[in-house]
Amino acid sequence: MTAQTDTSGSVTTVYQVSGMSCGHCEGSVSGEISRLAGVTSVKAVASTGEVTVVSDAPLDEDAVRAAVDEAGFELVGKA
């Protein structure tokens, strides 16, 4: 699990997502997660399957899982 709080009070969490293979996949996952309340940035990397999310507070993992499912991929867990 990777979750860090920086000095500005935001939380950075890295998730592992399976099934991403291209830039379109990255965009789909990033778009769905960025709709979650409190999310300030999302960076998905298809080659590693890692999705880095910065938010105002820790996110509910079920909400992140639902967003990833909506994009058509599977949340494996926190990296």
Foldseek 3Di string as FASTA:
>chain_A
DDWDADPVQKIKFKWAWPDQDDPVLQVLLQVLVCPDPFWDGWGADRVRRIIITIGNDDDDVVSSQVSNVVSPIGTPGTD
